[in-house]
């Protein structure tokens, strides 16, 4: 795992500016919740404007969170209404809200919490000029325009690339069936396990981009469409950029019949990296492609329950 990035937040503008980098996208029309323990942000979540707060407050209570900071993005009316409901729910279970920030139309406001030097009509706010944003960018963190833009990173390839992968996927079925028919069941299973590990190694070595040939990618995708190889592969997944890039690329190269496996492994990589939004999107993709993928269903439940990256790493690798 890469060394964690430490970002210090000293001003309200820093907190507001860093939120999109923590999510990986700008949470427009939402209230971001920064949950803190010992003055460190340990969990983040986005509550869509108008969405009930019950599920989120249960997660925060289960995590024994004592302090939160709220940052609302959007029009004043919906933001204020959502913040009021959320703040009431949080204080009702003993969680302190230390500040409520509202970002709208290039200005920063404090909702119901007067601060010296922050007038009622707000102050000018440019997220790109804050020290926190500069440090986030320096460390390679990015913030896409919205959640849809993050999801678009998993869009299937098209054009000539898609045609080539379709042909490779068809040929891979024939290749695997021939391998199975030529061997005794135990020998065939052993050869398939060896092939699985070899293909995963090749994929990771190339980030599964065009350096990973279509015929090899197709074999791996078909193997990952089976429950046992998926479970074996999951134990090789970590949360570094190589794994995220590899399983993203394979999710894009897959067709609807083979997308569940790589999308599941991407979800495992993303949640270990603390990228909850990407993990949720990937798990959704896995379940859409194969509603019977029980491992994807279980992981998706854990993601939406606020599973800790360390807990997922422990299950996979201890």
Foldseek 3Di string as FASTA:
>chain_A
DDDDDDFDDDDPLLVQLCVLLLQQADAAQWKKKQFDDPPDRQDIDTGHQPHQCVLVLVLCVVVVTAEIEIEAHDDPPSRVVRCVRNCVSQVVSRHYHPWYWYDDDQFIATPPDDDPPADHVGDGHDSCPDPNNVSSVVVPGHYHHHLVVVLCLLAADDDPLQVQLVVLLVVLVVVLVVLCVVDDNVVSVVVLLVLLVVLVVQLLVVLVDVVNPSNSLSNNLVLLLDQPSLLVVLLVAAQDPSLLSSLSNSLNNDDLQRNLSSLQSNLLNCQLVSNLSSNLSSLVSNCNSPVPRVSSVVSNVCSSSPHHSVVSNVVSHD
